[in-house]
Amino acid sequence: MIARHKHFTRCFFALALALAACGDDVEEIDCDWIVGANCWKEFLRDVGSCGDHVSVGRLTADRLRCEYFDGTVVSFDAVFPNPVPGGYPWGFSVTTGGSLCLAHTDLRLEGGAGFRATAATGEFIMDNQRTALVFTCPDGSRHRLAAERATTCNPDHSPGVAVTTFPGGGAFFYNGATAGAEVIVFNCEL
């Protein structure tokens, strides 16, 4: 009985160490991280190779898909609204050549704030908390930008999304590739 107890204690201790190693380590960052080379910019390079970012895609009659001539398809989690209301919580996936190359979920759809995006390089999460933005990189590293610091950073460099709407369609972008540059994810119309 004592041997089993020692084995259990060792296993429990090893498990506790493993869980501690996987802890909630978050690196505090400032505007230098936002402006510099970071995992968001790497993620955007991957997204930039996902589909046709120049042409305008056509929404299907049910407005659940946007199809491009090169075969790229954007599938929406809900009907593409017309008109698109401000602050609409987007959920969609992009396939090219029949393979998934991007999935995006607005965290408001899950009771949070921010977004989760998954591409070939992995998953990037921007969690918009009350006191900070927390960025989770595809490698699992986490970076926290305090709200008071976020207001001093150049918004052109900050991870985020932007939407442009027009009668019968709209375009979705990721911000923060470089100063003033956006990565077009889709541009769709009826």
Protein backbone atom coordinates (compact mmCIF):
# COMPACT_ATOMS: atom_id res chain seq x y z
CA MET A 1 0.00 0.00 0.00
CA ILE A 2 2.86 2.39 0.79
CA ALA A 3 4.42 1.81 -2.65
CA ARG A 4 1.17 2.79 -4.35
CA HIS A 5 0.90 5.93 -2.22
CA LYS A 6 4.45 7.00 -3.15
CA HIS A 7 3.73 6.34 -6.85
CA PHE A 8 0.52 8.36 -6.64
CA THR A 9 2.34 11.20 -4.86
CA ARG A 10 5.09 11.24 -7.52
CA CYS A 11 2.53 11.24 -10.34
CA PHE A 12 0.53 13.99 -8.67
CA PHE A 13 3.68 16.08 -8.13
CA ALA A 14 4.74 15.55 -11.78
CA LEU A 15 1.27 16.57 -12.95
CA ALA A 16 1.36 19.70 -10.78
CA LEU A 17 4.74 20.67 -12.25
CA ALA A 18 3.49 20.07 -15.79
CA LEU A 19 0.42 22.21 -15.18
CA ALA A 20 2.54 24.96 -13.66
CA ALA A 21 4.75 24.92 -16.76
CA CYS A 22 1.64 25.41 -18.88
CA GLY A 23 0.59 28.31 -16.65
CA ASP A 24 -1.00 31.56 -17.49
CA ASP A 25 2.21 33.40 -18.37
CA VAL A 26 1.41 36.64 -20.13
CA GLU A 27 4.11 39.03 -21.31
CA GLU A 28 3.33 42.70 -20.68
CA ILE A 29 3.92 44.62 -23.91
CA ASP A 30 3.87 48.19 -25.13
CA CYS A 31 3.63 49.97 -28.47
CA ASP A 32 7.07 48.65 -29.50
CA TRP A 33 5.59 45.14 -29.76
CA ILE A 34 2.67 46.45 -31.81
CA VAL A 35 4.92 48.33 -34.24
CA GLY A 36 7.67 45.71 -34.43
CA ALA A 37 7.87 42.24 -35.90
CA ASN A 38 5.34 40.09 -34.06
CA CYS A 39 3.17 37.01 -34.47
CA TRP A 40 0.22 39.05 -35.83
CA LYS A 41 2.27 40.30 -38.77
CA GLU A 42 3.50 36.73 -39.40
CA PHE A 43 -0.10 35.51 -39.25
CA LEU A 44 -1.16 38.17 -41.77
CA ARG A 45 1.52 37.02 -44.23
CA ASP A 46 -0.12 33.59 -44.09
CA VAL A 47 -3.60 35.08 -44.56
CA GLY A 48 -2.29 37.13 -47.50
CA SER A 49 -1.69 33.91 -49.43
CA CYS A 50 -5.23 32.69 -48.75
CA GLY A 51 -7.39 33.24 -51.81
CA ASP A 52 -8.13 36.10 -54.18
CA HIS A 53 -7.70 39.46 -52.46
CA VAL A 54 -8.05 41.64 -55.55
CA SER A 55 -11.27 40.59 -57.29
CA VAL A 56 -14.81 41.03 -56.05
CA GLY A 57 -16.58 37.79 -55.18
CA ARG A 58 -20.25 37.10 -55.81
CA LEU A 59 -22.66 36.33 -53.01
CA THR A 60 -24.89 33.33 -53.65
CA ALA A 61 -28.66 33.91 -53.71
CA ASP A 62 -28.98 32.66 -50.09
CA ARG A 63 -26.07 34.97 -49.08
CA LEU A 64 -24.33 32.17 -47.18
CA ARG A 65 -21.35 31.99 -49.54
CA CYS A 66 -19.19 34.32 -51.59
CA GLU A 67 -17.58 32.72 -54.63
CA TYR A 68 -14.57 33.95 -56.61
CA PHE A 69 -13.55 33.05 -60.17
CA ASP A 70 -10.32 31.42 -58.92
CA GLY A 71 -12.35 28.94 -56.84
CA THR A 72 -11.92 30.70 -53.49
CA VAL A 73 -15.08 30.40 -51.40
CA VAL A 74 -16.03 32.35 -48.28
CA SER A 75 -18.68 30.49 -46.26
CA PHE A 76 -20.53 32.60 -43.70
CA ASP A 77 -21.81 31.21 -40.39
CA ALA A 78 -24.98 33.29 -40.82
CA VAL A 79 -26.64 35.01 -43.77
CA PHE A 80 -24.55 37.94 -45.07
CA PRO A 81 -26.69 40.88 -43.91
CA ASN A 82 -27.87 43.51 -46.35
CA PRO A 83 -27.24 46.17 -45.25
CA VAL A 84 -24.42 45.18 -42.90
CA PRO A 85 -25.07 46.73 -39.48
CA GLY A 86 -22.21 48.44 -37.67
CA GLY A 87 -20.43 46.12 -35.26
CA TYR A 88 -21.76 42.97 -36.94
CA PRO A 89 -20.20 39.84 -35.34
CA TRP A 90 -18.57 38.03 -38.29
CA GLY A 91 -18.07 34.29 -38.43
CA PHE A 92 -16.76 32.75 -41.66
CA SER A 93 -14.29 30.39 -43.27
CA VAL A 94 -12.27 30.74 -46.47
CA THR A 95 -11.37 27.79 -48.67
CA THR A 96 -9.14 27.84 -51.69
CA GLY A 97 -8.54 24.85 -53.90
CA GLY A 98 -10.98 22.96 -51.68
CA SER A 99 -8.79 23.40 -48.57
CA LEU A 100 -9.56 25.53 -45.55
CA CYS A 101 -7.09 28.41 -45.34
CA LEU A 102 -8.78 30.75 -42.83
CA ALA A 103 -11.50 30.56 -40.20
CA HIS A 104 -12.63 33.67 -38.32
CA THR A 105 -14.95 33.96 -35.32
CA ASP A 106 -15.99 37.16 -33.59
CA LEU A 107 -15.75 36.29 -29.88
CA ARG A 108 -19.05 38.10 -29.22
CA LEU A 109 -20.64 35.02 -30.80
CA GLU A 110 -19.21 33.09 -27.83
CA GLY A 111 -19.97 35.68 -25.14
CA GLY A 112 -16.59 37.43 -25.24
CA ALA A 113 -15.01 40.33 -27.08
CA GLY A 114 -12.35 40.30 -29.78
CA PHE A 115 -11.79 37.58 -32.37
CA ARG A 116 -10.22 34.21 -33.08
CA ALA A 117 -8.63 33.52 -36.46
CA THR A 118 -7.08 30.25 -37.60
CA ALA A 119 -4.85 29.82 -40.65
CA ALA A 120 -2.05 27.46 -41.70
CA THR A 121 0.33 28.98 -39.12
CA GLY A 122 -2.13 28.29 -36.30
CA GLU A 123 -4.60 30.24 -34.21
CA PHE A 124 -4.37 33.93 -33.30
CA ILE A 125 -6.71 35.32 -30.65
CA MET A 126 -7.32 38.94 -29.74
CA ASP A 127 -9.19 38.94 -26.43
CA ASN A 128 -10.54 42.41 -25.70
CA GLN A 129 -10.73 42.46 -21.92
CA ARG A 130 -11.92 45.44 -19.89
CA THR A 131 -8.46 46.48 -18.78
CA ALA A 132 -6.31 45.18 -21.63
CA LEU A 133 -5.98 43.52 -25.00
CA VAL A 134 -4.53 40.02 -24.73
CA PHE A 135 -3.02 38.56 -27.90
CA THR A 136 -2.49 34.79 -28.07
CA CYS A 137 -0.06 33.83 -30.82
CA PRO A 138 -0.08 30.61 -32.88
CA ASP A 139 2.89 29.36 -30.80
CA GLY A 140 0.80 29.73 -27.62
CA SER A 141 2.64 32.78 -26.28
CA ARG A 142 0.41 35.44 -24.75
CA HIS A 143 0.97 39.20 -24.77
CA ARG A 144 -0.97 41.78 -22.75
CA LEU A 145 -1.33 45.42 -23.77
CA ALA A 146 -2.83 47.47 -20.93
CA ALA A 147 -5.78 49.64 -21.98
CA GLU A 148 -4.02 52.86 -20.99
CA ARG A 149 -1.07 51.90 -23.21
CA ALA A 150 -3.29 50.79 -26.10
CA THR A 151 -4.67 54.31 -26.48
CA THR A 152 -1.16 55.66 -27.13
CA CYS A 153 -0.26 53.12 -29.85
CA ASN A 154 -0.67 53.90 -33.54
CA PRO A 155 -3.93 52.12 -34.47
CA ASP A 156 -2.60 51.44 -37.99
CA HIS A 157 -0.21 48.88 -36.49
CA SER A 158 -2.60 47.29 -34.00
CA PRO A 159 -4.16 43.88 -34.64
CA GLY A 160 -7.82 44.26 -35.49
CA VAL A 161 -10.52 44.08 -38.11
CA ALA A 162 -12.21 46.62 -40.34
CA VAL A 163 -15.32 46.37 -42.47
CA THR A 164 -16.43 48.48 -45.41
CA THR A 165 -20.04 48.18 -46.48
CA PHE A 166 -21.89 49.24 -49.59
CA PRO A 167 -25.38 48.50 -50.95
CA GLY A 168 -25.51 44.77 -51.66
CA GLY A 169 -22.19 43.80 -50.11
CA GLY A 170 -19.13 44.55 -48.10
CA ALA A 171 -15.45 43.91 -47.54
CA PHE A 172 -13.62 42.55 -44.50
CA PHE A 173 -10.02 43.44 -43.65
CA TYR A 174 -7.40 42.66 -41.02
CA ASN A 175 -5.52 45.72 -39.76
CA GLY A 176 -1.96 45.98 -38.55
CA ALA A 177 0.14 44.49 -41.34
CA THR A 178 2.18 47.71 -41.59
CA ALA A 179 1.36 51.37 -41.09
CA GLY A 180 -1.91 52.08 -42.86
CA ALA A 181 -1.95 48.70 -44.63
CA GLU A 182 -4.77 46.20 -44.42
CA VAL A 183 -5.06 42.62 -45.61
CA ILE A 184 -8.27 42.12 -47.58
CA VAL A 185 -9.94 38.90 -46.48
CA PHE A 186 -13.02 39.18 -48.69
CA ASN A 187 -14.83 41.68 -50.88
CA CYS A 188 -18.28 40.39 -51.83
CA GLU A 189 -21.38 41.72 -53.55
CA LEU A 190 -24.72 40.42 -54.79
